[in-house]
Amino acid sequence: MIEAAFPRQLHPYWPRLQEKTRAWLLEKRLMPADKVAEYADGLCYTDLMAGYYLGAPDNVLQAIGDFSAWFFVWDDRHDRDIVHHRPAAWRRLRFRLHAALDSPEDHPHHEDPLVAGFADSVRRLYAFLPDTWNARFARHFHLVIEAYDQEFRNRVEGIIPTVEEYLELRRLTFAHSIWTDLLEPSAGTELPDSVRNHPAFRRAALLSQDFAAWYNDLCSFPKEIAGAEVHNLGISLITHKGLTLEETVSEVRRRVEDCIADFLVAECEVLEFADSLADGTPRGRELGAAVRACVGNMRNWFSSVYWFHHESGRYRVDSWDDRSTPPYVTNEAAGEL
């Protein structure tokens, strides 16, 4: 379905993005040099962003690409803090990230590379659009940090959320609002509330992100079962709905396919909305073009997520020496700073 309906594209800046993000990971000490050399390109973090934010200015895509790479490293730290029973380290990191989000200019040289790298990427993202967009981004990411804390507690306590609880939490841990917010600097303009809150625009954005979250759950299912995870749509379905493994895979696939079909309907409605905005005035033309750019990149998210999951070393569990320990992570007590 994806290969036929969503042709793959890559931003022409991608080779440079890959090179510069690799250098940024080293400069910010977010991954050891040997891990960067062996795994960074194969993890395809830059491929994911270069396939999504087409049309973005190069410097915007670079800032997004670095932020995305940081996000994956943060996700790995969060996982290792759980696995190695480091609640104090996680709590410290959580509060530091909240502080860095509100004042990134105060944290560029923080002792924890994860905090310093976050501050650097957020500071750069804040430079592209007005303070109102920055405040919205910060508000959304504060919620993401707290959702990660909820996941931390669930995993430590062995709590498998119900399907309904999981769906709500997953939209935060996957950072639906963040990736949608970043469509705006890519399009070169902040969208007014009346545009962002238009039912068709909101629905198309949600479907593109839900597709990514459920497809990620489908592809990471083996990795997360091996790691005794409790946070996966499939695990919630098995535990709370009594589905077999085969039934669970079929159900997650059905949800993924529904996202695709429903998005194609919503996309048409957003394009009609964009036409209605282009009323002949300069502002109308600008908003219509921005909405078209945003929904075009929502469409690109489908192919980018699809290929990322089939090409990234992040999901090649069968090739790992230990199926519960990703080879690209630093497995020592990195969170004890």
C-alpha atoms as a PDB file:
ATOM      1  CA  MET A   1       0.000   0.000   0.000  1.00  0.00           C
ATOM      2  CA  ILE A   2       2.747   2.455   0.933  1.00  0.00           C
ATOM      3  CA  GLU A   3       5.044   1.761  -1.984  1.00  0.00           C
ATOM      4  CA  ALA A   4       2.180   2.177  -4.469  1.00  0.00           C
ATOM      5  CA  ALA A   5       0.396   5.202  -3.015  1.00  0.00           C
ATOM      6  CA  PHE A   6       3.236   7.146  -1.376  1.00  0.00           C
ATOM      7  CA  PRO A   7       6.307   7.412  -3.639  1.00  0.00           C
ATOM      8  CA  ARG A   8       9.547   7.837  -1.745  1.00  0.00           C
ATOM      9  CA  GLN A   9      11.348  11.171  -1.875  1.00  0.00           C
ATOM     10  CA  LEU A  10      14.425  12.598  -0.158  1.00  0.00           C
ATOM     11  CA  HIS A  11      15.378  16.217   0.417  1.00  0.00           C
ATOM     12  CA  PRO A  12      18.357  17.066  -1.846  1.00  0.00           C
ATOM     13  CA  TYR A  13      20.268  18.242   1.239  1.00  0.00           C
ATOM     14  CA  TRP A  14      20.183  14.710   2.702  1.00  0.00           C
ATOM     15  CA  PRO A  15      23.848  13.677   2.047  1.00  0.00           C
ATOM     16  CA  ARG A  16      25.060  16.864   3.752  1.00  0.00           C
ATOM     17  CA  LEU A  17      22.516  16.401   6.544  1.00  0.00           C
ATOM     18  CA  GLN A  18      23.828  12.922   7.232  1.00  0.00           C
ATOM     19  CA  GLU A  19      27.413  14.162   7.344  1.00  0.00           C
ATOM     20  CA  LYS A  20      26.711  17.180   9.569  1.00  0.00           C
ATOM     21  CA  THR A  21      24.446  15.317  12.001  1.00  0.00           C
ATOM     22  CA  ARG A  22      27.105  12.624  12.381  1.00  0.00           C
ATOM     23  CA  ALA A  23      29.606  15.385  13.241  1.00  0.00           C
ATOM     24  CA  TRP A  24      27.101  17.024  15.624  1.00  0.00           C
ATOM     25  CA  LEU A  25      26.590  13.759  17.540  1.00  0.00           C
ATOM     26  CA  LEU A  26      30.354  13.591  18.018  1.00  0.00           C
ATOM     27  CA  GLU A  27      30.763  17.270  18.901  1.00  0.00           C
ATOM     28  CA  LYS A  28      28.011  17.099  21.522  1.00  0.00           C
ATOM     29  CA  ARG A  29      29.285  13.756  22.859  1.00  0.00           C
ATOM     30  CA  LEU A  30      25.860  12.190  22.412  1.00  0.00           C
ATOM     31  CA  MET A  31      27.328   8.924  21.148  1.00  0.00           C
ATOM     32  CA  PRO A  32      30.868   7.558  21.548  1.00  0.00           C
ATOM     33  CA  ALA A  33      33.060   7.910  18.467  1.00  0.00           C
ATOM     34  CA  ASP A  34      33.136   4.154  17.829  1.00  0.00           C
ATOM     35  CA  LYS A  35      29.321   3.942  17.968  1.00  0.00           C
ATOM     36  CA  VAL A  36      28.968   6.900  15.606  1.00  0.00           C
ATOM     37  CA  ALA A  37      31.441   5.396  13.146  1.00  0.00           C
ATOM     38  CA  GLU A  38      29.838   1.959  13.183  1.00  0.00           C
ATOM     39  CA  TYR A  39      26.134   2.691  13.570  1.00  0.00           C
ATOM     40  CA  ALA A  40      25.121   6.330  12.940  1.00  0.00           C
ATOM     41  CA  ASP A  41      24.554   6.116   9.184  1.00  0.00           C
ATOM     42  CA  GLY A  42      22.929   2.684   9.385  1.00  0.00           C
ATOM     43  CA  LEU A  43      20.419   3.873  11.970  1.00  0.00           C
ATOM     44  CA  CYS A  44      19.016   6.173   9.236  1.00  0.00           C
ATOM     45  CA  TYR A  45      17.879   8.943  11.575  1.00  0.00           C
ATOM     46  CA  THR A  46      18.679  11.597   8.977  1.00  0.00           C
ATOM     47  CA  ASP A  47      16.973   9.583   6.231  1.00  0.00           C
ATOM     48  CA  LEU A  48      13.748   9.733   8.259  1.00  0.00           C
ATOM     49  CA  MET A  49      13.798  13.523   8.503  1.00  0.00           C
ATOM     50  CA  ALA A  50      15.048  14.072   4.928  1.00  0.00           C
ATOM     51  CA  GLY A  51      12.121  12.016   3.685  1.00  0.00           C
ATOM     52  CA  TYR A  52       9.621  14.005   5.739  1.00  0.00           C
ATOM     53  CA  TYR A  53      10.351  17.728   5.672  1.00  0.00           C
ATOM     54  CA  LEU A  54      10.754  18.235   1.940  1.00  0.00           C
ATOM     55  CA  GLY A  55      10.958  21.854   0.884  1.00  0.00           C
ATOM     56  CA  ALA A  56      12.461  22.940   4.191  1.00  0.00           C
ATOM     57  CA  PRO A  57      15.393  25.361   3.975  1.00  0.00           C
ATOM     58  CA  ASP A  58      18.673  23.533   4.521  1.00  0.00           C
ATOM     59  CA  ASN A  59      19.341  25.152   7.907  1.00  0.00           C
ATOM     60  CA  VAL A  60      15.840  24.256   9.122  1.00  0.00           C
ATOM     61  CA  LEU A  61      16.244  20.649   8.025  1.00  0.00           C
ATOM     62  CA  GLN A  62      19.659  20.504   9.715  1.00  0.00           C
ATOM     63  CA  ALA A  63      18.220  21.738  13.004  1.00  0.00           C
ATOM     64  CA  ILE A  64      15.357  19.246  12.756  1.00  0.00           C
ATOM     65  CA  GLY A  65      17.733  16.430  11.807  1.00  0.00           C
ATOM     66  CA  ASP A  66      19.981  17.098  14.799  1.00  0.00           C
ATOM     67  CA  PHE A  67      16.959  17.359  17.103  1.00  0.00           C
ATOM     68  CA  SER A  68      15.613  14.057  15.772  1.00  0.00           C
ATOM     69  CA  ALA A  69      18.954  12.318  16.345  1.00  0.00           C
ATOM     70  CA  TRP A  70      18.993  13.746  19.862  1.00  0.00           C
ATOM     71  CA  PHE A  71      15.454  12.411  20.405  1.00  0.00           C
ATOM     72  CA  PHE A  72      16.523   8.859  19.551  1.00  0.00           C
ATOM     73  CA  VAL A  73      19.545   9.114  21.883  1.00  0.00           C
ATOM     74  CA  TRP A  74      17.248  10.411  24.633  1.00  0.00           C
ATOM     75  CA  ASP A  75      14.867   7.519  24.039  1.00  0.00           C
ATOM     76  CA  ASP A  76      17.781   5.104  24.422  1.00  0.00           C
ATOM     77  CA  ARG A  77      18.953   6.770  27.662  1.00  0.00           C
ATOM     78  CA  HIS A  78      15.422   6.542  29.029  1.00  0.00           C
ATOM     79  CA  ASP A  79      15.358   2.834  28.170  1.00  0.00           C
ATOM     80  CA  ARG A  80      18.760   2.151  29.749  1.00  0.00           C
ATOM     81  CA  ASP A  81      17.812   4.080  32.909  1.00  0.00           C
ATOM     82  CA  ILE A  82      14.850   1.730  33.249  1.00  0.00           C
ATOM     83  CA  VAL A  83      16.804  -1.430  32.441  1.00  0.00           C
ATOM     84  CA  HIS A  84      19.597  -0.548  34.891  1.00  0.00           C
ATOM     85  CA  HIS A  85      17.215   0.662  37.624  1.00  0.00           C
ATOM     86  CA  ARG A  86      18.355   4.301  37.695  1.00  0.00           C
ATOM     87  CA  PRO A  87      15.267   6.232  38.851  1.00  0.00           C
ATOM     88  CA  ALA A  88      17.312   9.032  40.449  1.00  0.00           C
ATOM     89  CA  ALA A  89      19.276   9.569  37.226  1.00  0.00           C
ATOM     90  CA  TRP A  90      16.062   9.665  35.186  1.00  0.00           C
ATOM     91  CA  ARG A  91      14.407  12.096  37.607  1.00  0.00           C
ATOM     92  CA  ARG A  92      17.431  14.397  37.419  1.00  0.00           C
ATOM     93  CA  LEU A  93      17.420  14.286  33.612  1.00  0.00           C
ATOM     94  CA  ARG A  94      13.676  14.918  33.467  1.00  0.00           C
ATOM     95  CA  PHE A  95      13.925  18.125  35.506  1.00  0.00           C
ATOM     96  CA  ARG A  96      16.993  19.298  33.605  1.00  0.00           C
ATOM     97  CA  LEU A  97      15.224  18.863  30.255  1.00  0.00           C
ATOM     98  CA  HIS A  98      12.248  20.869  31.473  1.00  0.00           C
ATOM     99  CA  ALA A  99      14.628  23.662  32.488  1.00  0.00           C
ATOM    100  CA  ALA A 100      16.582  23.539  29.210  1.00  0.00           C
ATOM    101  CA  LEU A 101      13.353  23.691  27.217  1.00  0.00           C
ATOM    102  CA  ASP A 102      12.344  26.939  28.927  1.00  0.00           C
ATOM    103  CA  SER A 103      15.790  28.568  28.728  1.00  0.00           C
ATOM    104  CA  PRO A 104      18.015  26.749  26.225  1.00  0.00           C
ATOM    105  CA  GLU A 105      20.475  29.649  26.201  1.00  0.00           C
ATOM    106  CA  ASP A 106      21.391  28.808  29.816  1.00  0.00           C
ATOM    107  CA  HIS A 107      22.328  25.169  29.165  1.00  0.00           C
ATOM    108  CA  PRO A 108      24.708  24.909  26.161  1.00  0.00           C
ATOM    109  CA  HIS A 109      27.599  23.641  28.283  1.00  0.00           C
ATOM    110  CA  HIS A 110      25.702  21.482  30.737  1.00  0.00           C
ATOM    111  CA  GLU A 111      27.660  18.602  32.314  1.00  0.00           C
ATOM    112  CA  ASP A 112      25.215  16.061  30.886  1.00  0.00           C
ATOM    113  CA  PRO A 113      25.735  15.928  27.079  1.00  0.00           C
ATOM    114  CA  LEU A 114      22.082  15.008  26.618  1.00  0.00           C
ATOM    115  CA  VAL A 115      20.964  18.250  28.277  1.00  0.00           C
ATOM    116  CA  ALA A 116      23.540  20.347  26.400  1.00  0.00           C
ATOM    117  CA  GLY A 117      22.617  18.747  23.067  1.00  0.00           C
ATOM    118  CA  PHE A 118      18.923  19.318  23.726  1.00  0.00           C
ATOM    119  CA  ALA A 119      19.538  22.964  24.596  1.00  0.00           C
ATOM    120  CA  ASP A 120      21.553  23.459  21.415  1.00  0.00           C
ATOM    121  CA  SER A 121      18.943  21.912  19.131  1.00  0.00           C
ATOM    122  CA  VAL A 122      16.016  23.709  20.801  1.00  0.00           C
ATOM    123  CA  ARG A 123      17.816  27.063  20.674  1.00  0.00           C
ATOM    124  CA  ARG A 124      18.283  26.627  16.934  1.00  0.00           C
ATOM    125  CA  LEU A 125      14.659  25.594  16.388  1.00  0.00           C
ATOM    126  CA  TYR A 126      13.480  28.654  18.319  1.00  0.00           C
ATOM    127  CA  ALA A 127      15.257  30.944  15.834  1.00  0.00           C
ATOM    128  CA  PHE A 128      12.993  30.278  12.864  1.00  0.00           C
ATOM    129  CA  LEU A 129       9.501  31.464  13.869  1.00  0.00           C
ATOM    130  CA  PRO A 130       7.959  33.948  16.337  1.00  0.00           C
ATOM    131  CA  ASP A 131       7.874  33.499  20.106  1.00  0.00           C
ATOM    132  CA  THR A 132       4.285  32.273  19.907  1.00  0.00           C
ATOM    133  CA  TRP A 133       5.446  29.196  17.975  1.00  0.00           C
ATOM    134  CA  ASN A 134       8.334  28.694  20.426  1.00  0.00           C
ATOM    135  CA  ALA A 135       5.932  28.795  23.377  1.00  0.00           C
ATOM    136  CA  ARG A 136       3.662  26.240  21.719  1.00  0.00           C
ATOM    137  CA  PHE A 137       6.583  23.947  20.929  1.00  0.00           C
ATOM    138  CA  ALA A 138       7.777  24.200  24.548  1.00  0.00           C
ATOM    139  CA  ARG A 139       4.296  23.529  25.897  1.00  0.00           C
ATOM    140  CA  HIS A 140       4.005  20.441  23.718  1.00  0.00           C
ATOM    141  CA  PHE A 141       7.447  19.120  24.630  1.00  0.00           C
ATOM    142  CA  HIS A 142       6.886  19.572  28.364  1.00  0.00           C
ATOM    143  CA  LEU A 143       3.999  17.127  27.902  1.00  0.00           C
ATOM    144  CA  VAL A 144       6.298  14.720  26.033  1.00  0.00           C
ATOM    145  CA  ILE A 145       8.796  14.727  28.906  1.00  0.00           C
ATOM    146  CA  GLU A 146       6.030  13.982  31.416  1.00  0.00           C
ATOM    147  CA  ALA A 147       4.685  11.192  29.201  1.00  0.00           C
ATOM    148  CA  TYR A 148       8.157   9.642  29.183  1.00  0.00           C
ATOM    149  CA  ASP A 149       8.053   9.821  32.967  1.00  0.00           C
ATOM    150  CA  GLN A 150       4.713   7.993  32.976  1.00  0.00           C
ATOM    151  CA  GLU A 151       6.200   5.312  30.721  1.00  0.00           C
ATOM    152  CA  PHE A 152       9.193   5.065  33.069  1.00  0.00           C
ATOM    153  CA  ARG A 153       6.888   4.402  36.015  1.00  0.00           C
ATOM    154  CA  ASN A 154       4.768   1.925  34.065  1.00  0.00           C
ATOM    155  CA  ARG A 155       7.793  -0.084  33.025  1.00  0.00           C
ATOM    156  CA  VAL A 156       9.433  -0.048  36.457  1.00  0.00           C
ATOM    157  CA  GLU A 157       6.196  -1.183  38.091  1.00  0.00           C
ATOM    158  CA  GLY A 158       5.322  -3.656  35.336  1.00  0.00           C
ATOM    159  CA  ILE A 159       2.071  -1.858  34.493  1.00  0.00           C
ATOM    160  CA  ILE A 160       0.730  -2.642  31.026  1.00  0.00           C
ATOM    161  CA  PRO A 161      -1.694   0.169  30.130  1.00  0.00           C
ATOM    162  CA  THR A 162      -5.107  -0.642  28.685  1.00  0.00           C
ATOM    163  CA  VAL A 163      -5.478  -0.130  24.956  1.00  0.00           C
ATOM    164  CA  GLU A 164      -7.280   3.175  25.506  1.00  0.00           C
ATOM    165  CA  GLU A 165      -4.667   4.399  28.013  1.00  0.00           C
ATOM    166  CA  TYR A 166      -1.888   3.330  25.707  1.00  0.00           C
ATOM    167  CA  LEU A 167      -3.320   5.098  22.647  1.00  0.00           C
ATOM    168  CA  GLU A 168      -3.513   8.359  24.596  1.00  0.00           C
ATOM    169  CA  LEU A 169      -0.036   8.041  26.087  1.00  0.00           C
ATOM    170  CA  ARG A 170       1.555   6.921  22.825  1.00  0.00           C
ATOM    171  CA  ARG A 171       0.498  10.109  21.065  1.00  0.00           C
ATOM    172  CA  LEU A 172       2.641  11.930  23.619  1.00  0.00           C
ATOM    173  CA  THR A 173       5.647   9.591  23.790  1.00  0.00           C
ATOM    174  CA  PHE A 174       5.765   9.538  19.992  1.00  0.00           C
ATOM    175  CA  ALA A 175       5.601  13.376  20.112  1.00  0.00           C
ATOM    176  CA  HIS A 176       2.775  13.714  17.591  1.00  0.00           C
ATOM    177  CA  SER A 177       2.428  17.454  18.239  1.00  0.00           C
ATOM    178  CA  ILE A 178       6.167  18.103  17.947  1.00  0.00           C
ATOM    179  CA  TRP A 179       6.628  16.599  14.488  1.00  0.00           C
ATOM    180  CA  THR A 180       3.459  18.401  13.369  1.00  0.00           C
ATOM    181  CA  ASP A 181       4.681  21.723  14.820  1.00  0.00           C
ATOM    182  CA  LEU A 182       7.917  21.338  12.854  1.00  0.00           C
ATOM    183  CA  LEU A 183       5.974  21.341   9.595  1.00  0.00           C
ATOM    184  CA  GLU A 184       5.623  25.101  10.046  1.00  0.00           C
ATOM    185  CA  PRO A 185       9.282  26.213  10.051  1.00  0.00           C
ATOM    186  CA  SER A 186       9.707  23.801   7.131  1.00  0.00           C
ATOM    187  CA  ALA A 187       6.969  25.692   5.292  1.00  0.00           C
ATOM    188  CA  GLY A 188       8.454  29.027   6.384  1.00  0.00           C
ATOM    189  CA  THR A 189       5.479  30.361   8.312  1.00  0.00           C
ATOM    190  CA  GLU A 190       3.585  30.001  11.563  1.00  0.00           C
ATOM    191  CA  LEU A 191       0.009  28.905  10.930  1.00  0.00           C
ATOM    192  CA  PRO A 192      -2.754  30.741  12.788  1.00  0.00           C
ATOM    193  CA  ASP A 193      -4.874  28.772  15.250  1.00  0.00           C
ATOM    194  CA  SER A 194      -7.842  28.904  12.877  1.00  0.00           C
ATOM    195  CA  VAL A 195      -5.820  26.976  10.280  1.00  0.00           C
ATOM    196  CA  ARG A 196      -4.108  24.491  12.595  1.00  0.00           C
ATOM    197  CA  ASN A 197      -7.398  23.738  14.342  1.00  0.00           C
ATOM    198  CA  HIS A 198      -9.368  23.235  11.150  1.00  0.00           C
ATOM    199  CA  PRO A 199     -10.925  19.739  11.461  1.00  0.00           C
ATOM    200  CA  ALA A 200      -9.472  18.438   8.191  1.00  0.00           C
ATOM    201  CA  PHE A 201      -5.971  19.724   8.962  1.00  0.00           C
ATOM    202  CA  ARG A 202      -6.031  18.270  12.471  1.00  0.00           C
ATOM    203  CA  ARG A 203      -7.351  14.940  11.237  1.00  0.00           C
ATOM    204  CA  ALA A 204      -4.749  14.602   8.484  1.00  0.00           C
ATOM    205  CA  ALA A 205      -1.954  15.476  10.927  1.00  0.00           C
ATOM    206  CA  LEU A 206      -3.215  12.984  13.518  1.00  0.00           C
ATOM    207  CA  LEU A 207      -3.586  10.180  10.981  1.00  0.00           C
ATOM    208  CA  SER A 208      -0.063  10.667   9.644  1.00  0.00           C
ATOM    209  CA  GLN A 209       1.337  10.494  13.168  1.00  0.00           C
ATOM    210  CA  ASP A 210      -0.874   7.606  14.313  1.00  0.00           C
ATOM    211  CA  PHE A 211       0.266   5.652  11.273  1.00  0.00           C
ATOM    212  CA  ALA A 212       3.868   6.212  12.297  1.00  0.00           C
ATOM    213  CA  ALA A 213       3.246   5.227  15.925  1.00  0.00           C
ATOM    214  CA  TRP A 214       1.353   2.033  15.114  1.00  0.00           C
ATOM    215  CA  TYR A 215       3.765   1.042  12.350  1.00  0.00           C
ATOM    216  CA  ASN A 216       6.607   1.607  14.790  1.00  0.00           C
ATOM    217  CA  ASP A 217       4.849  -0.622  17.312  1.00  0.00           C
ATOM    218  CA  LEU A 218       4.424  -3.301  14.671  1.00  0.00           C
ATOM    219  CA  CYS A 219       8.081  -3.206  13.629  1.00  0.00           C
ATOM    220  CA  SER A 220       9.495  -2.880  17.155  1.00  0.00           C
ATOM    221  CA  PHE A 221       7.291  -5.664  18.562  1.00  0.00           C
ATOM    222  CA  PRO A 222      10.089  -8.316  18.495  1.00  0.00           C
ATOM    223  CA  LYS A 223      12.606  -5.895  20.057  1.00  0.00           C
ATOM    224  CA  GLU A 224      10.213  -4.901  22.824  1.00  0.00           C
ATOM    225  CA  ILE A 225       9.079  -8.433  23.621  1.00  0.00           C
ATOM    226  CA  ALA A 226      12.766  -9.419  23.887  1.00  0.00           C
ATOM    227  CA  GLY A 227      13.356  -6.498  26.247  1.00  0.00           C
ATOM    228  CA  ALA A 228      10.371  -7.390  28.482  1.00  0.00           C
ATOM    229  CA  GLU A 229       8.648  -4.140  27.463  1.00  0.00           C
ATOM    230  CA  VAL A 230       5.160  -3.148  28.592  1.00  0.00           C
ATOM    231  CA  HIS A 231       4.665  -0.245  26.186  1.00  0.00           C
ATOM    232  CA  ASN A 232       3.506  -1.445  22.792  1.00  0.00           C
ATOM    233  CA  LEU A 233       0.040  -1.496  21.264  1.00  0.00           C
ATOM    234  CA  GLY A 234       0.447  -5.205  20.594  1.00  0.00           C
ATOM    235  CA  ILE A 235       1.328  -5.946  24.219  1.00  0.00           C
ATOM    236  CA  SER A 236      -1.725  -4.002  25.447  1.00  0.00           C
ATOM    237  CA  LEU A 237      -3.960  -5.887  22.991  1.00  0.00           C
ATOM    238  CA  ILE A 238      -2.649  -9.275  24.133  1.00  0.00           C
ATOM    239  CA  THR A 239      -2.922  -8.403  27.824  1.00  0.00           C
ATOM    240  CA  HIS A 240      -6.239  -6.568  27.970  1.00  0.00           C
ATOM    241  CA  LYS A 241      -8.154  -7.878  24.936  1.00  0.00           C
ATOM    242  CA  GLY A 242      -7.004 -11.491  25.152  1.00  0.00           C
ATOM    243  CA  LEU A 243      -5.772 -11.618  21.557  1.00  0.00           C
ATOM    244  CA  THR A 244      -3.317 -14.232  20.349  1.00  0.00           C
ATOM    245  CA  LEU A 245      -0.001 -13.109  18.879  1.00  0.00           C
ATOM    246  CA  GLU A 246      -1.314 -13.733  15.351  1.00  0.00           C
ATOM    247  CA  GLU A 247      -4.561 -11.848  16.049  1.00  0.00           C
ATOM    248  CA  THR A 248      -2.595  -8.979  17.567  1.00  0.00           C
ATOM    249  CA  VAL A 249      -0.375  -8.539  14.530  1.00  0.00           C
ATOM    250  CA  SER A 250      -3.475  -8.582  12.307  1.00  0.00           C
ATOM    251  CA  GLU A 251      -5.201  -5.972  14.476  1.00  0.00           C
ATOM    252  CA  VAL A 252      -2.230  -3.593  14.486  1.00  0.00           C
ATOM    253  CA  ARG A 253      -1.903  -4.027  10.722  1.00  0.00           C
ATOM    254  CA  ARG A 254      -5.605  -3.207  10.354  1.00  0.00           C
ATOM    255  CA  ARG A 255      -5.159   0.010  12.334  1.00  0.00           C
ATOM    256  CA  VAL A 256      -2.164   0.951  10.196  1.00  0.00           C
ATOM    257  CA  GLU A 257      -4.108   0.321   6.988  1.00  0.00           C
ATOM    258  CA  ASP A 258      -7.080   2.323   8.282  1.00  0.00           C
ATOM    259  CA  CYS A 259      -4.768   5.282   8.932  1.00  0.00           C
ATOM    260  CA  ILE A 260      -3.607   5.142   5.316  1.00  0.00           C
ATOM    261  CA  ALA A 261      -7.118   4.960   3.844  1.00  0.00           C
ATOM    262  CA  ASP A 262      -8.510   7.653   6.138  1.00  0.00           C
ATOM    263  CA  PHE A 263      -5.565   9.961   5.443  1.00  0.00           C
ATOM    264  CA  LEU A 264      -6.217   9.854   1.698  1.00  0.00           C
ATOM    265  CA  VAL A 265      -9.731  11.159   2.366  1.00  0.00           C
ATOM    266  CA  ALA A 266      -8.548  13.823   4.836  1.00  0.00           C
ATOM    267  CA  GLU A 267      -5.785  14.921   2.454  1.00  0.00           C
ATOM    268  CA  CYS A 268      -8.361  15.839  -0.196  1.00  0.00           C
ATOM    269  CA  GLU A 269     -10.305  17.856   2.365  1.00  0.00           C
ATOM    270  CA  VAL A 270      -7.152  19.743   3.425  1.00  0.00           C
ATOM    271  CA  LEU A 271      -6.328  20.568  -0.185  1.00  0.00           C
ATOM    272  CA  GLU A 272      -9.857  21.964  -0.633  1.00  0.00           C
ATOM    273  CA  PHE A 273      -9.311  23.996   2.542  1.00  0.00           C
ATOM    274  CA  ALA A 274      -6.019  25.321   1.138  1.00  0.00           C
ATOM    275  CA  ASP A 275      -7.800  26.405  -2.021  1.00  0.00           C
ATOM    276  CA  SER A 276     -10.364  28.279   0.069  1.00  0.00           C
ATOM    277  CA  LEU A 277      -7.591  30.134   1.902  1.00  0.00           C
ATOM    278  CA  ALA A 278      -5.955  31.296  -1.340  1.00  0.00           C
ATOM    279  CA  ASP A 279      -8.441  34.154  -1.774  1.00  0.00           C
ATOM    280  CA  GLY A 280      -6.288  36.339  -3.999  1.00  0.00           C
ATOM    281  CA  THR A 281      -4.754  38.376  -1.178  1.00  0.00           C
ATOM    282  CA  PRO A 282      -1.004  38.052  -0.437  1.00  0.00           C
ATOM    283  CA  ARG A 283      -1.752  36.575   3.009  1.00  0.00           C
ATOM    284  CA  GLY A 284      -4.300  34.185   1.554  1.00  0.00           C
ATOM    285  CA  ARG A 285      -1.848  32.956  -1.057  1.00  0.00           C
ATOM    286  CA  GLU A 286       0.829  32.512   1.622  1.00  0.00           C
ATOM    287  CA  LEU A 287      -1.462  30.524   3.917  1.00  0.00           C
ATOM    288  CA  GLY A 288      -2.809  28.376   1.088  1.00  0.00           C
ATOM    289  CA  ALA A 289       0.723  27.519  -0.038  1.00  0.00           C
ATOM    290  CA  ALA A 290       1.821  26.776   3.543  1.00  0.00           C
ATOM    291  CA  VAL A 291      -1.114  24.438   4.139  1.00  0.00           C
ATOM    292  CA  ARG A 292      -0.351  22.635   0.893  1.00  0.00           C
ATOM    293  CA  ALA A 293       3.296  22.276   1.928  1.00  0.00           C
ATOM    294  CA  CYS A 294       2.281  20.933   5.341  1.00  0.00           C
ATOM    295  CA  VAL A 295      -0.175  18.346   4.045  1.00  0.00           C
ATOM    296  CA  GLY A 296       2.314  17.367   1.340  1.00  0.00           C
ATOM    297  CA  ASN A 297       4.822  16.585   4.064  1.00  0.00           C
ATOM    298  CA  MET A 298       2.208  14.744   6.106  1.00  0.00           C
ATOM    299  CA  ARG A 299       1.928  12.535   3.041  1.00  0.00           C
ATOM    300  CA  ASN A 300       5.726  12.176   2.887  1.00  0.00           C
ATOM    301  CA  TRP A 301       5.723  10.938   6.486  1.00  0.00           C
ATOM    302  CA  PHE A 302       4.070   7.689   5.377  1.00  0.00           C
ATOM    303  CA  SER A 303       6.809   6.679   2.962  1.00  0.00           C
ATOM    304  CA  SER A 304       9.597   8.028   5.156  1.00  0.00           C
ATOM    305  CA  VAL A 305       8.423   6.086   8.219  1.00  0.00           C
ATOM    306  CA  TYR A 306       7.869   2.960   6.131  1.00  0.00           C
ATOM    307  CA  TRP A 307      11.357   2.914   4.626  1.00  0.00           C
ATOM    308  CA  PHE A 308      12.999   3.942   7.897  1.00  0.00           C
ATOM    309  CA  HIS A 309      11.602   0.899   9.652  1.00  0.00           C
ATOM    310  CA  HIS A 310      12.757  -1.432   6.900  1.00  0.00           C
ATOM    311  CA  GLU A 311      16.234   0.030   6.557  1.00  0.00           C
ATOM    312  CA  SER A 312      17.283   1.241  10.016  1.00  0.00           C
ATOM    313  CA  GLY A 313      19.535  -0.934  12.146  1.00  0.00           C
ATOM    314  CA  ARG A 314      17.332   0.076  15.066  1.00  0.00           C
ATOM    315  CA  TYR A 315      14.906  -2.738  14.234  1.00  0.00           C
ATOM    316  CA  ARG A 316      17.240  -5.537  13.128  1.00  0.00           C
ATOM    317  CA  VAL A 317      16.887  -7.452  16.363  1.00  0.00           C
ATOM    318  CA  ASP A 318      17.861 -10.789  14.841  1.00  0.00           C
ATOM    319  CA  SER A 319      21.337  -9.463  14.022  1.00  0.00           C
ATOM    320  CA  TRP A 320      22.074  -8.377  17.612  1.00  0.00           C
ATOM    321  CA  ASP A 321      24.233 -10.469  19.945  1.00  0.00           C
ATOM    322  CA  ASP A 322      21.712  -9.770  22.722  1.00  0.00           C
ATOM    323  CA  ARG A 323      18.154  -9.225  21.492  1.00  0.00           C
ATOM    324  CA  SER A 324      17.362  -7.115  24.572  1.00  0.00           C
ATOM    325  CA  THR A 325      20.379  -4.790  24.256  1.00  0.00           C
ATOM    326  CA  PRO A 326      20.762  -2.605  21.164  1.00  0.00           C
ATOM    327  CA  PRO A 327      24.388  -2.600  20.013  1.00  0.00           C
ATOM    328  CA  TYR A 328      24.309   1.122  19.216  1.00  0.00           C
ATOM    329  CA  VAL A 329      23.635   2.219  22.813  1.00  0.00           C
ATOM    330  CA  THR A 330      26.125   2.959  25.547  1.00  0.00           C
ATOM    331  CA  ASN A 331      25.064   0.369  28.087  1.00  0.00           C
ATOM    332  CA  GLU A 332      27.075   1.694  31.017  1.00  0.00           C
ATOM    333  CA  ALA A 333      25.716   4.039  33.662  1.00  0.00           C
ATOM    334  CA  ALA A 334      25.495   7.011  31.325  1.00  0.00           C
ATOM    335  CA  GLY A 335      22.686   8.499  33.361  1.00  0.00           C
ATOM    336  CA  GLU A 336      24.575   8.745  36.622  1.00  0.00           C
ATOM    337  CA  LEU A 337      25.962  12.235  36.032  1.00  0.00           C
END
